[in-house]
Amino acid sequence: MNNDPLKIYIAAPYSADTKEKRKKNVETVIDAALVLFKKGHFPYVPHLTHWVDERAKKTNIAMEWEGYMRWHRPWLETCDAFLYLGSSKGADLELQMAKDLRKIIFYSVDEVFSVYNKKDVGSVLK
């Protein structure tokens, strides 16, 4: 593997019993995306469709779980790599898709390399 930037799809649980837990799940993925971006990569954050879901509910547009899975699949296909942060029905299906598509798979942000040389990191991460 070279040190070129990767487009990385992030999978993790979204659904939860409460609005607060769903928000926390979204924040967890956004936090991981920020780390990946600072390492020089281009993360895809499927959890940002949380805002689509909120708007769909307010405007009475029916959106089902399967629709969101269909929404995300083309992005997963386009990405170079896949970051799996935790198990859920959707994340597990996405992990299997990533394996079937022979994506590079990471299981933590710490496994993802930085595209920057050590000497470049100080200026880039400011």
N, C-alpha and C. Protein backbone atom coordinates (compact mmCIF):
# COMPACT_ATOMS: atom_id res chain seq x y z
N MET A 1 0.85 -1.18 0.00
CA MET A 1 0.00 0.00 0.00
C MET A 1 0.90 1.24 0.00
N ASN A 2 0.59 2.18 -0.88
CA ASN A 2 1.36 3.43 -0.90
C ASN A 2 0.75 4.42 0.08
N ASN A 3 1.25 5.64 0.07
CA ASN A 3 0.74 6.66 1.00
C ASN A 3 -0.20 7.65 0.33
N ASP A 4 -0.88 7.24 -0.73
CA ASP A 4 -1.84 8.12 -1.38
C ASP A 4 -3.10 8.25 -0.53
N PRO A 5 -3.77 9.40 -0.61
CA PRO A 5 -5.02 9.57 0.14
C PRO A 5 -6.07 8.56 -0.33
N LEU A 6 -6.87 8.12 0.61
CA LEU A 6 -7.95 7.17 0.32
C LEU A 6 -9.31 7.83 0.55
N LYS A 7 -10.28 7.41 -0.23
CA LYS A 7 -11.68 7.73 0.06
C LYS A 7 -12.15 6.60 0.97
N ILE A 8 -12.52 6.95 2.20
CA ILE A 8 -12.83 5.94 3.21
C ILE A 8 -14.28 6.06 3.67
N TYR A 9 -15.03 5.00 3.49
CA TYR A 9 -16.42 4.90 3.94
C TYR A 9 -16.39 4.49 5.41
N ILE A 10 -17.15 5.18 6.25
CA ILE A 10 -17.17 4.86 7.69
C ILE A 10 -18.50 4.20 8.05
N ALA A 11 -18.43 3.02 8.64
CA ALA A 11 -19.62 2.29 9.08
C ALA A 11 -19.60 2.12 10.58
N ALA A 12 -20.75 2.37 11.18
CA ALA A 12 -20.91 2.24 12.63
C ALA A 12 -22.41 2.26 12.92
N PRO A 13 -22.80 1.88 14.13
CA PRO A 13 -24.23 1.94 14.46
C PRO A 13 -24.78 3.36 14.34
N TYR A 14 -26.01 3.44 13.86
CA TYR A 14 -26.74 4.71 13.83
C TYR A 14 -27.99 4.63 14.70
N SER A 15 -28.83 3.65 14.44
CA SER A 15 -30.11 3.52 15.15
C SER A 15 -29.87 3.38 16.65
N ALA A 16 -30.82 3.94 17.41
CA ALA A 16 -30.73 3.87 18.87
C ALA A 16 -32.11 4.09 19.46
N ASP A 17 -32.24 3.78 20.74
CA ASP A 17 -33.52 3.91 21.45
C ASP A 17 -33.96 5.35 21.61
N THR A 18 -32.99 6.25 21.74
CA THR A 18 -33.32 7.65 21.99
C THR A 18 -32.66 8.57 20.98
N LYS A 19 -33.21 9.76 20.87
CA LYS A 19 -32.66 10.78 19.99
C LYS A 19 -31.23 11.14 20.41
N GLU A 20 -31.00 11.19 21.71
CA GLU A 20 -29.67 11.53 22.23
C GLU A 20 -28.63 10.49 21.83
N LYS A 21 -29.00 9.21 21.92
CA LYS A 21 -28.06 8.15 21.54
C LYS A 21 -27.79 8.16 20.03
N ARG A 22 -28.82 8.44 19.23
CA ARG A 22 -28.60 8.57 17.78
C ARG A 22 -27.64 9.72 17.48
N LYS A 23 -27.85 10.84 18.16
CA LYS A 23 -26.96 11.99 17.98
C LYS A 23 -25.53 11.62 18.36
N LYS A 24 -25.36 10.90 19.45
CA LYS A 24 -24.03 10.46 19.88
C LYS A 24 -23.40 9.54 18.84
N ASN A 25 -24.19 8.64 18.24
CA ASN A 25 -23.68 7.76 17.19
C ASN A 25 -23.20 8.58 15.98
N VAL A 26 -23.96 9.61 15.62
CA VAL A 26 -23.56 10.49 14.52
C VAL A 26 -22.25 11.20 14.87
N GLU A 27 -22.16 11.73 16.07
CA GLU A 27 -20.95 12.45 16.49
C GLU A 27 -19.73 11.54 16.51
N THR A 28 -19.90 10.29 16.89
CA THR A 28 -18.79 9.34 16.90
C THR A 28 -18.20 9.18 15.50
N VAL A 29 -19.07 9.07 14.50
CA VAL A 29 -18.60 8.90 13.13
C VAL A 29 -17.98 10.19 12.60
N ILE A 30 -18.58 11.33 12.93
CA ILE A 30 -18.00 12.61 12.52
C ILE A 30 -16.62 12.79 13.14
N ASP A 31 -16.46 12.42 14.41
CA ASP A 31 -15.15 12.52 15.06
C ASP A 31 -14.11 11.66 14.34
N ALA A 32 -14.50 10.45 13.96
CA ALA A 32 -13.58 9.58 13.22
C ALA A 32 -13.24 10.20 11.86
N ALA A 33 -14.24 10.77 11.21
CA ALA A 33 -14.01 11.40 9.90
C ALA A 33 -13.02 12.56 10.01
N LEU A 34 -13.11 13.32 11.07
CA LEU A 34 -12.18 14.43 11.26
C LEU A 34 -10.74 13.93 11.43
N VAL A 35 -10.58 12.84 12.17
CA VAL A 35 -9.25 12.25 12.33
C VAL A 35 -8.72 11.78 10.98
N LEU A 36 -9.56 11.11 10.22
CA LEU A 36 -9.13 10.63 8.89
C LEU A 36 -8.76 11.79 7.97
N PHE A 37 -9.55 12.84 8.00
CA PHE A 37 -9.26 14.00 7.16
C PHE A 37 -7.93 14.63 7.56
N LYS A 38 -7.68 14.73 8.85
CA LYS A 38 -6.41 15.29 9.33
C LYS A 38 -5.24 14.39 8.95
N LYS A 39 -5.49 13.12 8.71
CA LYS A 39 -4.44 12.21 8.25
C LYS A 39 -4.26 12.29 6.73
N GLY A 40 -5.10 13.11 6.07
CA GLY A 40 -4.95 13.32 4.64
C GLY A 40 -5.91 12.55 3.76
N HIS A 41 -6.90 11.90 4.36
CA HIS A 41 -7.86 11.09 3.60
C HIS A 41 -9.18 11.85 3.41
N PHE A 42 -10.07 11.23 2.64
CA PHE A 42 -11.36 11.83 2.32
C PHE A 42 -12.48 10.89 2.77
N PRO A 43 -12.97 11.10 4.00
CA PRO A 43 -13.98 10.20 4.55
C PRO A 43 -15.37 10.46 3.97
N TYR A 44 -16.14 9.39 3.84
CA TYR A 44 -17.56 9.49 3.53
C TYR A 44 -18.31 9.16 4.82
N VAL A 45 -19.21 10.05 5.23
CA VAL A 45 -19.92 9.91 6.50
C VAL A 45 -21.40 9.62 6.23
N PRO A 46 -21.78 8.36 6.13
CA PRO A 46 -23.18 8.04 5.85
C PRO A 46 -24.12 8.54 6.95
N HIS A 47 -23.61 8.71 8.15
CA HIS A 47 -24.44 9.17 9.26
C HIS A 47 -24.95 10.60 9.07
N LEU A 48 -24.38 11.32 8.12
CA LEU A 48 -24.89 12.67 7.87
C LEU A 48 -26.29 12.65 7.27
N THR A 49 -26.72 11.49 6.78
CA THR A 49 -28.11 11.41 6.33
C THR A 49 -29.07 11.42 7.52
N HIS A 50 -28.51 11.50 8.72
CA HIS A 50 -29.33 11.76 9.91
C HIS A 50 -30.17 13.02 9.68
N TRP A 51 -29.56 14.02 9.08
CA TRP A 51 -30.26 15.29 8.83
C TRP A 51 -31.32 15.11 7.74
N VAL A 52 -31.05 14.25 6.78
CA VAL A 52 -32.05 13.92 5.77
C VAL A 52 -33.23 13.24 6.44
N ASP A 53 -32.95 12.32 7.33
CA ASP A 53 -34.00 11.59 8.03
C ASP A 53 -34.85 12.54 8.87
N GLU A 54 -34.19 13.45 9.58
CA GLU A 54 -34.93 14.43 10.39
C GLU A 54 -35.85 15.27 9.51
N ARG A 55 -35.34 15.72 8.36
CA ARG A 55 -36.13 16.55 7.45
C ARG A 55 -37.27 15.73 6.82
N ALA A 56 -36.99 14.50 6.46
CA ALA A 56 -38.02 13.63 5.88
C ALA A 56 -39.19 13.48 6.85
N LYS A 57 -38.89 13.29 8.12
CA LYS A 57 -39.94 13.14 9.12
C LYS A 57 -40.77 14.41 9.23
N LYS A 58 -40.10 15.57 9.23
CA LYS A 58 -40.81 16.86 9.35
C LYS A 58 -41.69 17.15 8.15
N THR A 59 -41.30 16.67 6.99
CA THR A 59 -42.04 16.96 5.76
C THR A 59 -42.90 15.79 5.30
N ASN A 60 -43.03 14.79 6.17
CA ASN A 60 -43.88 13.62 5.89
C ASN A 60 -43.48 12.88 4.62
N ILE A 61 -42.19 12.80 4.37
CA ILE A 61 -41.68 12.00 3.26
C ILE A 61 -41.21 10.67 3.84
N ALA A 62 -41.84 9.61 3.41
CA ALA A 62 -41.52 8.29 3.96
C ALA A 62 -40.14 7.84 3.49
N MET A 63 -39.26 7.59 4.45
CA MET A 63 -37.93 7.04 4.18
C MET A 63 -37.77 5.83 5.07
N GLU A 64 -37.45 4.71 4.46
CA GLU A 64 -37.27 3.47 5.20
C GLU A 64 -35.78 3.13 5.30
N TRP A 65 -35.46 2.24 6.22
CA TRP A 65 -34.08 1.79 6.43
C TRP A 65 -33.47 1.30 5.13
N GLU A 66 -34.23 0.53 4.36
CA GLU A 66 -33.72 -0.02 3.10
C GLU A 66 -33.36 1.09 2.11
N GLY A 67 -34.12 2.17 2.14
CA GLY A 67 -33.82 3.31 1.27
C GLY A 67 -32.48 3.93 1.60
N TYR A 68 -32.18 4.05 2.89
CA TYR A 68 -30.87 4.60 3.28
C TYR A 68 -29.74 3.66 2.90
N MET A 69 -29.98 2.38 3.01
CA MET A 69 -28.95 1.43 2.60
C MET A 69 -28.69 1.55 1.09
N ARG A 70 -29.77 1.72 0.32
CA ARG A 70 -29.62 1.93 -1.13
C ARG A 70 -28.90 3.25 -1.42
N TRP A 71 -29.18 4.28 -0.62
CA TRP A 71 -28.56 5.60 -0.77
C TRP A 71 -27.04 5.49 -0.60
N HIS A 72 -26.62 4.71 0.38
CA HIS A 72 -25.19 4.64 0.71
C HIS A 72 -24.38 3.70 -0.16
N ARG A 73 -25.02 2.70 -0.73
CA ARG A 73 -24.27 1.68 -1.48
C ARG A 73 -23.37 2.25 -2.58
N PRO A 74 -23.84 3.17 -3.44
CA PRO A 74 -22.95 3.68 -4.49
C PRO A 74 -21.70 4.36 -3.93
N TRP A 75 -21.83 4.98 -2.75
CA TRP A 75 -20.68 5.62 -2.13
C TRP A 75 -19.70 4.58 -1.61
N LEU A 76 -20.23 3.52 -1.05
CA LEU A 76 -19.37 2.42 -0.61
C LEU A 76 -18.62 1.82 -1.80
N GLU A 77 -19.32 1.64 -2.91
CA GLU A 77 -18.68 1.09 -4.11
C GLU A 77 -17.57 2.00 -4.62
N THR A 78 -17.74 3.30 -4.47
CA THR A 78 -16.78 4.29 -4.98
C THR A 78 -15.55 4.43 -4.09
N CYS A 79 -15.72 4.18 -2.81
CA CYS A 79 -14.60 4.36 -1.86
C CYS A 79 -13.50 3.34 -2.08
N ASP A 80 -12.28 3.73 -1.68
CA ASP A 80 -11.12 2.84 -1.75
C ASP A 80 -11.05 1.91 -0.55
N ALA A 81 -11.55 2.42 0.59
CA ALA A 81 -11.38 1.70 1.85
C ALA A 81 -12.63 1.84 2.70
N PHE A 82 -12.64 1.08 3.77
CA PHE A 82 -13.81 0.96 4.63
C PHE A 82 -13.33 0.95 6.08
N LEU A 83 -13.93 1.79 6.91
CA LEU A 83 -13.62 1.82 8.34
C LEU A 83 -14.84 1.32 9.10
N TYR A 84 -14.68 0.22 9.81
CA TYR A 84 -15.76 -0.42 10.57
C TYR A 84 -15.56 -0.11 12.04
N LEU A 85 -16.48 0.72 12.60
CA LEU A 85 -16.32 1.16 13.98
C LEU A 85 -17.19 0.41 14.98
N GLY A 86 -18.10 -0.41 14.50
CA GLY A 86 -18.93 -1.15 15.44
C GLY A 86 -20.06 -1.87 14.74
N SER A 87 -20.59 -2.85 15.43
CA SER A 87 -21.60 -3.73 14.86
C SER A 87 -23.01 -3.15 14.97
N SER A 88 -23.74 -3.28 13.89
CA SER A 88 -25.18 -3.03 13.83
C SER A 88 -25.67 -3.76 12.59
N LYS A 89 -26.98 -3.83 12.43
CA LYS A 89 -27.52 -4.51 11.25
C LYS A 89 -26.95 -3.89 9.97
N GLY A 90 -27.00 -2.56 9.87
CA GLY A 90 -26.51 -1.88 8.67
C GLY A 90 -25.01 -1.95 8.51
N ALA A 91 -24.28 -1.67 9.59
CA ALA A 91 -22.81 -1.69 9.52
C ALA A 91 -22.30 -3.08 9.15
N ASP A 92 -22.93 -4.11 9.68
CA ASP A 92 -22.51 -5.48 9.36
C ASP A 92 -22.76 -5.81 7.89
N LEU A 93 -23.90 -5.37 7.36
CA LEU A 93 -24.18 -5.58 5.93
C LEU A 93 -23.18 -4.82 5.07
N GLU A 94 -22.87 -3.59 5.48
CA GLU A 94 -21.89 -2.78 4.74
C GLU A 94 -20.51 -3.41 4.80
N LEU A 95 -20.14 -3.96 5.94
CA LEU A 95 -18.85 -4.64 6.07
C LEU A 95 -18.78 -5.81 5.09
N GLN A 96 -19.84 -6.58 5.01
CA GLN A 96 -19.85 -7.69 4.06
C GLN A 96 -19.73 -7.20 2.62
N MET A 97 -20.44 -6.10 2.31
CA MET A 97 -20.33 -5.52 0.97
C MET A 97 -18.90 -5.09 0.68
N ALA A 98 -18.27 -4.45 1.67
CA ALA A 98 -16.89 -3.99 1.51
C ALA A 98 -15.95 -5.18 1.26
N LYS A 99 -16.17 -6.25 1.98
CA LYS A 99 -15.36 -7.46 1.78
C LYS A 99 -15.61 -8.03 0.38
N ASP A 100 -16.87 -8.08 -0.03
CA ASP A 100 -17.21 -8.60 -1.36
C ASP A 100 -16.60 -7.75 -2.46
N LEU A 101 -16.51 -6.44 -2.21
CA LEU A 101 -15.93 -5.51 -3.19
C LEU A 101 -14.40 -5.42 -3.07
N ARG A 102 -13.84 -6.19 -2.15
CA ARG A 102 -12.39 -6.25 -1.92
C ARG A 102 -11.79 -4.88 -1.56
N LYS A 103 -12.51 -4.15 -0.69
CA LYS A 103 -12.02 -2.87 -0.20
C LYS A 103 -10.96 -3.11 0.87
N ILE A 104 -10.10 -2.13 1.04
CA ILE A 104 -9.18 -2.14 2.19
C ILE A 104 -10.06 -1.92 3.42
N ILE A 105 -9.89 -2.74 4.44
CA ILE A 105 -10.74 -2.63 5.62
C ILE A 105 -9.90 -2.30 6.84
N PHE A 106 -10.36 -1.27 7.56
CA PHE A 106 -9.75 -0.86 8.82
C PHE A 106 -10.79 -1.05 9.92
N TYR A 107 -10.30 -1.33 11.12
CA TYR A 107 -11.20 -1.52 12.26
C TYR A 107 -11.03 -0.45 13.33
N SER A 108 -10.14 0.50 13.11
CA SER A 108 -10.00 1.66 14.00
C SER A 108 -9.28 2.76 13.23
N VAL A 109 -9.46 3.99 13.68
CA VAL A 109 -8.79 5.10 13.01
C VAL A 109 -7.27 4.99 13.19
N ASP A 110 -6.84 4.34 14.26
CA ASP A 110 -5.40 4.18 14.52
C ASP A 110 -4.72 3.30 13.46
N GLU A 111 -5.46 2.42 12.83
CA GLU A 111 -4.91 1.55 11.79
C GLU A 111 -4.66 2.30 10.48
N VAL A 112 -5.32 3.44 10.31
CA VAL A 112 -5.24 4.19 9.06
C VAL A 112 -3.98 5.04 9.07
N PHE A 113 -3.19 4.89 8.02
CA PHE A 113 -1.93 5.61 7.91
C PHE A 113 -2.17 7.09 7.60
N SER A 114 -1.17 7.90 7.89
CA SER A 114 -1.19 9.31 7.49
C SER A 114 -0.51 9.42 6.14
N VAL A 115 -1.04 10.26 5.28
CA VAL A 115 -0.42 10.45 3.97
C VAL A 115 0.76 11.41 4.05
N TYR A 116 0.91 12.07 5.19
CA TYR A 116 1.96 13.07 5.35
C TYR A 116 3.21 12.47 5.96
N ASN A 117 4.36 12.97 5.53
CA ASN A 117 5.62 12.63 6.19
C ASN A 117 5.62 13.30 7.54
N LYS A 118 6.36 12.75 8.46
CA LYS A 118 6.43 13.31 9.82
C LYS A 118 6.75 14.80 9.78
N LYS A 119 7.69 15.21 8.92
CA LYS A 119 8.10 16.62 8.88
C LYS A 119 6.99 17.52 8.35
N ASP A 120 6.06 16.97 7.55
CA ASP A 120 4.97 17.76 6.97
C ASP A 120 3.79 17.92 7.92
N VAL A 121 3.66 17.04 8.89
CA VAL A 121 2.47 16.99 9.71
C VAL A 121 2.22 18.29 10.45
N GLY A 122 3.24 18.89 11.01
CA GLY A 122 3.05 20.12 11.78
C GLY A 122 2.40 21.22 10.99
N SER A 123 2.83 21.44 9.77
CA SER A 123 2.26 22.53 8.97
C SER A 123 0.88 22.17 8.42
N VAL A 124 0.65 20.92 8.10
CA VAL A 124 -0.61 20.52 7.49
C VAL A 124 -1.74 20.46 8.52
N LEU A 125 -1.45 20.05 9.72
CA LEU A 125 -2.50 19.83 10.72
C LEU A 125 -2.88 21.09 11.48
N LYS A 126 -2.30 22.21 11.16
CA LYS A 126 -2.64 23.45 11.86
C LYS A 126 -3.97 23.98 11.43
